[in-house]
């Protein structure tokens, strides 16, 4: 567990850990029902009061978490796979040439 938390960002494991953290935040927000608060984007309020600041903040946090999940998680997972494959190929090349 300690290895996961201290994985450097510039490693396949580090990229996967960051992707998992973003996914975890999104899942927690989704399970808490924050998706309903995104109605503030269309100028409606889930609680009936358009001036409710908490709904606005929660709605924007939910949208940011969703965008991060949809945009960054696939990129990080693909980058980790490519990075790991390149590391493996380069390691074989270096060990066979030595």
N, C-alpha and C. Protein backbone atom coordinates (compact mmCIF):
# COMPACT_ATOMS: atom_id res chain seq x y z
N UNK A 1 0.83 -1.20 0.00
CA UNK A 1 0.00 0.00 0.00
C UNK A 1 0.87 1.25 0.00
N UNK A 2 1.94 1.23 0.78
CA UNK A 2 2.82 2.38 0.84
C UNK A 2 3.45 2.66 -0.51
N UNK A 3 3.74 1.56 -1.25
CA UNK A 3 4.33 1.70 -2.58
C UNK A 3 3.37 2.43 -3.52
N UNK A 4 2.08 2.15 -3.39
CA UNK A 4 1.09 2.81 -4.24
C UNK A 4 0.99 4.30 -3.93
N UNK A 5 1.00 4.64 -2.66
CA UNK A 5 0.84 6.04 -2.28
C UNK A 5 2.05 6.89 -2.63
N UNK A 6 3.22 6.27 -2.68
CA UNK A 6 4.44 7.01 -2.96
C UNK A 6 4.98 6.74 -4.36
N UNK A 7 4.14 6.24 -5.25
CA UNK A 7 4.56 5.97 -6.62
C UNK A 7 4.82 7.30 -7.33
N UNK A 8 5.98 7.41 -8.00
CA UNK A 8 6.26 8.66 -8.70
C UNK A 8 5.29 8.86 -9.86
N UNK A 9 4.99 10.11 -10.13
CA UNK A 9 4.04 10.43 -11.20
C UNK A 9 4.55 9.93 -12.54
N UNK A 10 5.83 9.97 -12.74
CA UNK A 10 6.40 9.57 -14.03
C UNK A 10 6.74 8.08 -14.04
N UNK A 11 5.75 7.28 -13.73
CA UNK A 11 5.88 5.82 -13.80
C UNK A 11 4.50 5.26 -14.16
N UNK A 12 4.47 4.07 -14.75
CA UNK A 12 3.16 3.49 -15.07
C UNK A 12 2.28 3.32 -13.83
N UNK A 13 2.87 2.90 -12.73
CA UNK A 13 2.10 2.73 -11.50
C UNK A 13 1.57 4.08 -11.01
N UNK A 14 2.39 5.10 -11.09
CA UNK A 14 1.96 6.43 -10.66
C UNK A 14 0.79 6.95 -11.48
N UNK A 15 0.83 6.71 -12.78
CA UNK A 15 -0.27 7.14 -13.64
C UNK A 15 -1.56 6.38 -13.30
N UNK A 16 -1.42 5.08 -13.05
CA UNK A 16 -2.60 4.28 -12.69
C UNK A 16 -3.16 4.69 -11.33
N UNK A 17 -2.29 5.03 -10.39
CA UNK A 17 -2.76 5.49 -9.08
C UNK A 17 -3.55 6.78 -9.23
N UNK A 18 -3.05 7.71 -10.04
CA UNK A 18 -3.78 8.97 -10.24
C UNK A 18 -5.12 8.72 -10.90
N UNK A 19 -5.16 7.81 -11.89
CA UNK A 19 -6.42 7.48 -12.55
C UNK A 19 -7.41 6.87 -11.55
N UNK A 20 -6.90 6.00 -10.69
CA UNK A 20 -7.77 5.38 -9.68
C UNK A 20 -8.31 6.41 -8.69
N UNK A 21 -7.49 7.37 -8.32
CA UNK A 21 -7.96 8.41 -7.39
C UNK A 21 -9.06 9.27 -8.01
N UNK A 22 -8.88 9.63 -9.28
CA UNK A 22 -9.91 10.41 -9.97
C UNK A 22 -11.19 9.58 -10.06
N UNK A 23 -11.06 8.30 -10.41
CA UNK A 23 -12.24 7.44 -10.50
C UNK A 23 -12.92 7.29 -9.14
N UNK A 24 -12.14 7.18 -8.09
CA UNK A 24 -12.70 7.05 -6.75
C UNK A 24 -13.49 8.30 -6.36
N UNK A 25 -12.94 9.47 -6.65
CA UNK A 25 -13.65 10.72 -6.35
C UNK A 25 -14.97 10.77 -7.11
N UNK A 26 -14.93 10.41 -8.39
CA UNK A 26 -16.16 10.42 -9.19
C UNK A 26 -17.20 9.46 -8.63
N UNK A 27 -16.77 8.25 -8.27
CA UNK A 27 -17.71 7.25 -7.74
C UNK A 27 -18.32 7.72 -6.42
N UNK A 28 -17.50 8.31 -5.56
CA UNK A 28 -18.02 8.82 -4.28
C UNK A 28 -19.04 9.92 -4.53
N UNK A 29 -18.73 10.87 -5.43
CA UNK A 29 -19.68 11.93 -5.74
C UNK A 29 -20.96 11.35 -6.32
N UNK A 30 -20.83 10.37 -7.19
CA UNK A 30 -22.01 9.76 -7.81
C UNK A 30 -22.86 9.03 -6.78
N UNK A 31 -22.22 8.28 -5.88
CA UNK A 31 -22.97 7.57 -4.86
C UNK A 31 -23.63 8.51 -3.85
N UNK A 32 -23.03 9.69 -3.66
CA UNK A 32 -23.64 10.68 -2.76
C UNK A 32 -24.79 11.42 -3.41
N UNK A 33 -25.01 11.20 -4.70
CA UNK A 33 -26.14 11.83 -5.37
C UNK A 33 -25.88 13.25 -5.83
N UNK A 34 -24.63 13.61 -6.01
CA UNK A 34 -24.33 14.98 -6.44
C UNK A 34 -24.70 15.25 -7.88
N UNK A 35 -25.02 14.20 -8.62
CA UNK A 35 -25.41 14.39 -10.01
C UNK A 35 -26.68 15.24 -10.11
N UNK A 36 -27.54 15.14 -9.13
CA UNK A 36 -28.77 15.93 -9.15
C UNK A 36 -28.49 17.42 -9.05
N UNK A 37 -27.37 17.78 -8.44
CA UNK A 37 -27.04 19.20 -8.29
C UNK A 37 -26.51 19.82 -9.58
N UNK A 38 -26.27 19.02 -10.61
CA UNK A 38 -25.79 19.60 -11.87
C UNK A 38 -26.90 20.35 -12.60
N UNK A 39 -28.10 20.30 -12.10
CA UNK A 39 -29.19 21.05 -12.73
C UNK A 39 -28.97 22.55 -12.65
N UNK A 40 -28.06 23.00 -11.80
CA UNK A 40 -27.77 24.44 -11.71
C UNK A 40 -27.16 24.94 -13.01
N UNK A 41 -26.63 24.06 -13.83
CA UNK A 41 -26.06 24.47 -15.11
C UNK A 41 -27.14 24.97 -16.07
N UNK A 42 -28.35 24.49 -15.91
CA UNK A 42 -29.46 24.95 -16.74
C UNK A 42 -30.32 25.96 -15.99
N UNK A 43 -29.76 26.55 -14.95
CA UNK A 43 -30.41 27.59 -14.15
C UNK A 43 -31.67 27.09 -13.44
N UNK A 44 -31.62 25.84 -13.02
CA UNK A 44 -32.67 25.30 -12.16
C UNK A 44 -31.99 24.79 -10.90
N UNK A 45 -32.75 24.58 -9.87
CA UNK A 45 -32.18 24.15 -8.61
C UNK A 45 -32.87 22.89 -8.13
N UNK A 46 -32.09 21.92 -7.65
CA UNK A 46 -32.71 20.69 -7.15
C UNK A 46 -33.51 20.91 -5.86
N UNK A 47 -33.21 22.00 -5.13
CA UNK A 47 -33.91 22.26 -3.88
C UNK A 47 -34.98 23.33 -4.04
N UNK A 48 -35.11 23.89 -5.25
CA UNK A 48 -36.14 24.88 -5.51
C UNK A 48 -35.69 26.32 -5.33
N UNK A 49 -34.52 26.57 -4.76
CA UNK A 49 -34.02 27.91 -4.56
C UNK A 49 -32.80 28.13 -5.45
N UNK A 50 -32.94 28.90 -6.55
CA UNK A 50 -31.81 29.10 -7.46
C UNK A 50 -30.61 29.80 -6.81
N UNK A 51 -30.82 30.46 -5.70
CA UNK A 51 -29.74 31.16 -5.03
C UNK A 51 -29.03 30.29 -4.00
N UNK A 52 -29.36 29.02 -3.95
CA UNK A 52 -28.75 28.11 -2.98
C UNK A 52 -27.29 27.87 -3.38
N UNK A 53 -26.37 28.47 -2.65
CA UNK A 53 -24.94 28.42 -2.99
C UNK A 53 -24.38 27.01 -2.87
N UNK A 54 -24.85 26.24 -1.94
CA UNK A 54 -24.32 24.90 -1.75
C UNK A 54 -24.63 24.03 -2.96
N UNK A 55 -25.82 24.13 -3.51
CA UNK A 55 -26.17 23.36 -4.70
C UNK A 55 -25.31 23.76 -5.89
N UNK A 56 -25.01 25.03 -6.00
CA UNK A 56 -24.16 25.50 -7.09
C UNK A 56 -22.76 24.92 -6.95
N UNK A 57 -22.19 24.97 -5.77
CA UNK A 57 -20.84 24.44 -5.53
C UNK A 57 -20.80 22.94 -5.76
N UNK A 58 -21.77 22.22 -5.21
CA UNK A 58 -21.81 20.77 -5.39
C UNK A 58 -22.03 20.38 -6.85
N UNK A 59 -22.85 21.15 -7.53
CA UNK A 59 -23.08 20.88 -8.95
C UNK A 59 -21.82 21.05 -9.77
N UNK A 60 -21.08 22.12 -9.52
CA UNK A 60 -19.85 22.33 -10.28
C UNK A 60 -18.78 21.32 -9.89
N UNK A 61 -18.73 20.92 -8.64
CA UNK A 61 -17.78 19.87 -8.24
C UNK A 61 -18.13 18.55 -8.93
N UNK A 62 -19.41 18.26 -9.05
CA UNK A 62 -19.84 17.04 -9.72
C UNK A 62 -19.47 17.08 -11.20
N UNK A 63 -19.65 18.22 -11.84
CA UNK A 63 -19.29 18.35 -13.26
C UNK A 63 -17.78 18.22 -13.44
N UNK A 64 -17.01 18.83 -12.57
CA UNK A 64 -15.55 18.73 -12.67
C UNK A 64 -15.10 17.29 -12.46
N UNK A 65 -15.69 16.60 -11.51
CA UNK A 65 -15.33 15.20 -11.27
C UNK A 65 -15.71 14.34 -12.48
N UNK A 66 -16.86 14.59 -13.07
CA UNK A 66 -17.28 13.83 -14.25
C UNK A 66 -16.34 14.09 -15.42
N UNK A 67 -16.01 15.36 -15.65
CA UNK A 67 -15.10 15.68 -16.76
C UNK A 67 -13.73 15.04 -16.54
N UNK A 68 -13.23 15.10 -15.31
CA UNK A 68 -11.94 14.47 -15.02
C UNK A 68 -12.01 12.97 -15.25
N UNK A 69 -13.12 12.36 -14.86
CA UNK A 69 -13.28 10.92 -15.04
C UNK A 69 -13.34 10.56 -16.52
N UNK A 70 -14.08 11.31 -17.28
CA UNK A 70 -14.27 11.00 -18.70
C UNK A 70 -13.04 11.36 -19.53
N UNK A 71 -12.37 12.44 -19.20
CA UNK A 71 -11.23 12.89 -20.00
C UNK A 71 -9.90 12.33 -19.53
N UNK A 72 -9.61 12.43 -18.24
CA UNK A 72 -8.27 12.13 -17.76
C UNK A 72 -8.02 10.65 -17.45
N UNK A 73 -9.03 9.96 -16.95
CA UNK A 73 -8.81 8.55 -16.58
C UNK A 73 -8.43 7.70 -17.79
N UNK A 74 -9.14 7.79 -18.91
CA UNK A 74 -8.71 6.99 -20.06
C UNK A 74 -7.32 7.37 -20.57
N UNK A 75 -7.01 8.65 -20.56
CA UNK A 75 -5.69 9.11 -21.00
C UNK A 75 -4.61 8.56 -20.08
N UNK A 76 -4.82 8.63 -18.78
CA UNK A 76 -3.83 8.14 -17.83
C UNK A 76 -3.64 6.62 -17.95
N UNK A 77 -4.73 5.89 -18.14
CA UNK A 77 -4.62 4.43 -18.27
C UNK A 77 -3.88 4.06 -19.55
N UNK A 78 -4.23 4.70 -20.65
CA UNK A 78 -3.52 4.43 -21.90
C UNK A 78 -2.05 4.83 -21.81
N UNK A 79 -1.77 5.96 -21.20
CA UNK A 79 -0.38 6.39 -21.04
C UNK A 79 0.40 5.41 -20.18
N UNK A 80 -0.21 4.89 -19.14
CA UNK A 80 0.46 3.91 -18.29
C UNK A 80 0.78 2.64 -19.07
N UNK A 81 -0.15 2.19 -19.89
CA UNK A 81 0.09 1.01 -20.71
C UNK A 81 1.21 1.21 -21.72
N UNK A 82 1.19 2.35 -22.39
CA UNK A 82 2.24 2.67 -23.36
C UNK A 82 3.59 2.81 -22.66
N UNK A 83 3.59 3.49 -21.54
CA UNK A 83 4.81 3.70 -20.76
C UNK A 83 5.40 2.36 -20.31
N UNK A 84 4.55 1.46 -19.81
CA UNK A 84 5.02 0.15 -19.35
C UNK A 84 5.57 -0.67 -20.53
N UNK A 85 4.88 -0.62 -21.67
CA UNK A 85 5.36 -1.36 -22.84
C UNK A 85 6.70 -0.82 -23.32
N UNK A 86 6.84 0.49 -23.35
CA UNK A 86 8.12 1.08 -23.76
C UNK A 86 9.24 0.75 -22.79
N UNK A 87 8.92 0.80 -21.51
CA UNK A 87 9.93 0.42 -20.52
C UNK A 87 10.39 -1.01 -20.72
N UNK A 88 9.45 -1.90 -20.98
CA UNK A 88 9.78 -3.32 -21.17
C UNK A 88 10.64 -3.51 -22.42
N UNK A 89 10.27 -2.85 -23.51
CA UNK A 89 11.03 -2.97 -24.76
C UNK A 89 12.44 -2.39 -24.58
N UNK A 90 12.52 -1.22 -23.98
CA UNK A 90 13.82 -0.59 -23.79
C UNK A 90 14.69 -1.39 -22.83
N UNK A 91 14.08 -1.99 -21.81
CA UNK A 91 14.85 -2.80 -20.87
C UNK A 91 15.42 -4.03 -21.56
N UNK A 92 14.63 -4.67 -22.43
CA UNK A 92 15.13 -5.82 -23.18
C UNK A 92 16.26 -5.40 -24.12
N UNK A 93 16.10 -4.23 -24.76
CA UNK A 93 17.12 -3.75 -25.67
C UNK A 93 18.42 -3.48 -24.95
N UNK A 94 18.32 -2.85 -23.76
CA UNK A 94 19.53 -2.52 -22.99
C UNK A 94 20.20 -3.77 -22.44
N UNK A 95 19.41 -4.74 -21.99
CA UNK A 95 20.02 -5.95 -21.42
C UNK A 95 20.62 -6.85 -22.51
N UNK A 96 20.02 -6.88 -23.69
CA UNK A 96 20.56 -7.71 -24.76
C UNK A 96 21.81 -7.09 -25.39
N UNK A 97 21.94 -5.78 -25.35
CA UNK A 97 23.11 -5.12 -25.94
C UNK A 97 24.30 -5.10 -24.97
N UNK A 98 24.07 -5.39 -23.70
CA UNK A 98 25.14 -5.35 -22.72
C UNK A 98 25.97 -6.60 -22.69
